[in-house]
Amino acid sequence: MDTTTWPGTVLILGLSFLALILLIGTAATVHEFRKLKISAAVQEDLRQLVRRYEQLAENTMDAQQRMSNELSDVRARATSIEQILRTVE
């Protein structure tokens, strides 16, 4: 192939342009794939965070319920102790 003539030069430039287009397309595809992979990892991290938050909220609710039950029990005991002290006086 003689690159000193116009047809040869056009052919070489055309093939170079096609190779450049393929290279840019491949790079764009790889870049998009990496973005999707990172996005999926971020979404999974967020799901784990939400699961941990829900578990923490559930544990907190259980602890609050236990504390409320214990507090009402202590109040009942304090009331009965006050009644006993009033009858002793």
C-alpha atoms as a PDB file:
ATOM      1  CA  MET A   1       0.000   0.000   0.000  1.00  0.00           C
ATOM      2  CA  ASP A   2       1.475   3.257  -1.118  1.00  0.00           C
ATOM      3  CA  THR A   3       0.776   6.099   1.329  1.00  0.00           C
ATOM      4  CA  THR A   4       2.188   8.711  -1.014  1.00  0.00           C
ATOM      5  CA  THR A   5      -0.940   8.617  -3.169  1.00  0.00           C
ATOM      6  CA  TRP A   6      -4.299  10.078  -2.174  1.00  0.00           C
ATOM      7  CA  PRO A   7      -6.236   6.807  -2.099  1.00  0.00           C
ATOM      8  CA  GLY A   8      -3.635   5.187   0.153  1.00  0.00           C
ATOM      9  CA  THR A   9      -3.530   8.203   2.443  1.00  0.00           C
ATOM     10  CA  VAL A  10      -7.340   8.326   2.678  1.00  0.00           C
ATOM     11  CA  LEU A  11      -7.426   4.597   3.431  1.00  0.00           C
ATOM     12  CA  ILE A  12      -4.830   4.919   6.185  1.00  0.00           C
ATOM     13  CA  LEU A  13      -6.627   7.965   7.652  1.00  0.00           C
ATOM     14  CA  GLY A  14      -9.975   6.126   7.459  1.00  0.00           C
ATOM     15  CA  LEU A  15      -8.591   3.057   9.210  1.00  0.00           C
ATOM     16  CA  SER A  16      -6.911   5.253  11.836  1.00  0.00           C
ATOM     17  CA  PHE A  17     -10.193   7.095  12.402  1.00  0.00           C
ATOM     18  CA  LEU A  18     -12.073   3.777  12.719  1.00  0.00           C
ATOM     19  CA  ALA A  19      -9.485   2.509  15.215  1.00  0.00           C
ATOM     20  CA  LEU A  20      -9.813   5.749  17.191  1.00  0.00           C
ATOM     21  CA  ILE A  21     -13.627   5.422  17.250  1.00  0.00           C
ATOM     22  CA  LEU A  22     -13.345   1.822  18.460  1.00  0.00           C
ATOM     23  CA  LEU A  23     -10.833   2.840  21.120  1.00  0.00           C
ATOM     24  CA  ILE A  24     -13.071   5.670  22.357  1.00  0.00           C
ATOM     25  CA  GLY A  25     -16.099   3.346  22.360  1.00  0.00           C
ATOM     26  CA  THR A  26     -14.232   0.719  24.338  1.00  0.00           C
ATOM     27  CA  ALA A  27     -12.986   3.284  26.839  1.00  0.00           C
ATOM     28  CA  ALA A  28     -16.511   4.694  27.274  1.00  0.00           C
ATOM     29  CA  THR A  29     -17.929   1.213  27.822  1.00  0.00           C
ATOM     30  CA  VAL A  30     -15.272   0.347  30.395  1.00  0.00           C
ATOM     31  CA  HIS A  31     -15.847   3.668  32.151  1.00  0.00           C
ATOM     32  CA  GLU A  32     -19.630   3.124  32.263  1.00  0.00           C
ATOM     33  CA  PHE A  33     -19.156  -0.429  33.572  1.00  0.00           C
ATOM     34  CA  ARG A  34     -16.931   0.841  36.378  1.00  0.00           C
ATOM     35  CA  LYS A  35     -19.478   3.524  37.265  1.00  0.00           C
ATOM     36  CA  LEU A  36     -22.225   0.904  37.442  1.00  0.00           C
ATOM     37  CA  LYS A  37     -20.051  -1.356  39.567  1.00  0.00           C
ATOM     38  CA  ILE A  38     -19.274   1.464  42.006  1.00  0.00           C
ATOM     39  CA  SER A  39     -22.933   2.489  42.091  1.00  0.00           C
ATOM     40  CA  ALA A  40     -23.969  -1.077  42.907  1.00  0.00           C
ATOM     41  CA  ALA A  41     -21.413  -1.217  45.721  1.00  0.00           C
ATOM     42  CA  VAL A  42     -22.683   2.077  47.139  1.00  0.00           C
ATOM     43  CA  GLN A  43     -26.276   0.846  46.990  1.00  0.00           C
ATOM     44  CA  GLU A  44     -25.330  -2.355  48.790  1.00  0.00           C
ATOM     45  CA  ASP A  45     -23.534  -0.342  51.474  1.00  0.00           C
ATOM     46  CA  LEU A  46     -26.646   1.796  51.889  1.00  0.00           C
ATOM     47  CA  ARG A  47     -28.831  -1.312  52.187  1.00  0.00           C
ATOM     48  CA  GLN A  48     -26.541  -2.654  54.902  1.00  0.00           C
ATOM     49  CA  LEU A  49     -26.674   0.691  56.679  1.00  0.00           C
ATOM     50  CA  VAL A  50     -30.470   0.699  56.547  1.00  0.00           C
ATOM     51  CA  ARG A  51     -30.568  -2.880  57.899  1.00  0.00           C
ATOM     52  CA  ARG A  52     -28.260  -1.899  60.745  1.00  0.00           C
ATOM     53  CA  TYR A  53     -30.379   1.181  61.480  1.00  0.00           C
ATOM     54  CA  GLU A  54     -33.589  -0.869  61.527  1.00  0.00           C
ATOM     55  CA  GLN A  55     -31.998  -3.409  63.857  1.00  0.00           C
ATOM     56  CA  LEU A  56     -30.741  -0.648  66.124  1.00  0.00           C
ATOM     57  CA  ALA A  57     -34.182   0.996  66.146  1.00  0.00           C
ATOM     58  CA  GLU A  58     -35.791  -2.328  67.013  1.00  0.00           C
ATOM     59  CA  ASN A  59     -33.293  -2.966  69.818  1.00  0.00           C
ATOM     60  CA  THR A  60     -33.824   0.560  71.123  1.00  0.00           C
ATOM     61  CA  MET A  61     -37.587   0.089  71.063  1.00  0.00           C
ATOM     62  CA  ASP A  62     -37.244  -3.167  73.001  1.00  0.00           C
ATOM     63  CA  ALA A  63     -34.953  -1.525  75.550  1.00  0.00           C
ATOM     64  CA  GLN A  64     -37.373   1.386  75.960  1.00  0.00           C
ATOM     65  CA  GLN A  65     -40.255  -1.033  76.482  1.00  0.00           C
ATOM     66  CA  ARG A  66     -38.286  -2.943  79.130  1.00  0.00           C
ATOM     67  CA  MET A  67     -37.316   0.291  80.857  1.00  0.00           C
ATOM     68  CA  SER A  68     -40.943   1.432  80.812  1.00  0.00           C
ATOM     69  CA  ASN A  69     -42.069  -1.861  82.387  1.00  0.00           C
ATOM     70  CA  GLU A  70     -39.347  -1.668  85.027  1.00  0.00           C
ATOM     71  CA  LEU A  71     -40.190   1.952  85.789  1.00  0.00           C
ATOM     72  CA  SER A  72     -43.874   1.158  86.258  1.00  0.00           C
ATOM     73  CA  ASP A  73     -42.859  -1.731  88.549  1.00  0.00           C
ATOM     74  CA  VAL A  74     -40.635   0.606  90.594  1.00  0.00           C
ATOM     75  CA  ARG A  75     -43.465   3.143  90.830  1.00  0.00           C
ATOM     76  CA  ALA A  76     -45.832   0.451  92.089  1.00  0.00           C
ATOM     77  CA  ARG A  77     -43.275  -0.633  94.707  1.00  0.00           C
ATOM     78  CA  ALA A  78     -42.691   2.975  95.770  1.00  0.00           C
ATOM     79  CA  THR A  79     -46.439   3.509  96.145  1.00  0.00           C
ATOM     80  CA  SER A  80     -46.812   0.384  98.266  1.00  0.00           C
ATOM     81  CA  ILE A  81     -43.817   1.420 100.424  1.00  0.00           C
ATOM     82  CA  GLU A  82     -45.394   4.871 100.929  1.00  0.00           C
ATOM     83  CA  GLN A  83     -48.666   3.256 101.989  1.00  0.00           C
ATOM     84  CA  ILE A  84     -46.840   1.002 104.449  1.00  0.00           C
ATOM     85  CA  LEU A  85     -44.948   4.014 105.879  1.00  0.00           C
ATOM     86  CA  ARG A  86     -48.206   5.960 106.278  1.00  0.00           C
ATOM     87  CA  THR A  87     -49.820   3.122 108.174  1.00  0.00           C
ATOM     88  CA  VAL A  88     -46.791   2.828 110.458  1.00  0.00           C
ATOM     89  CA  GLU A  89     -46.934   6.489 111.447  1.00  0.00           C
END
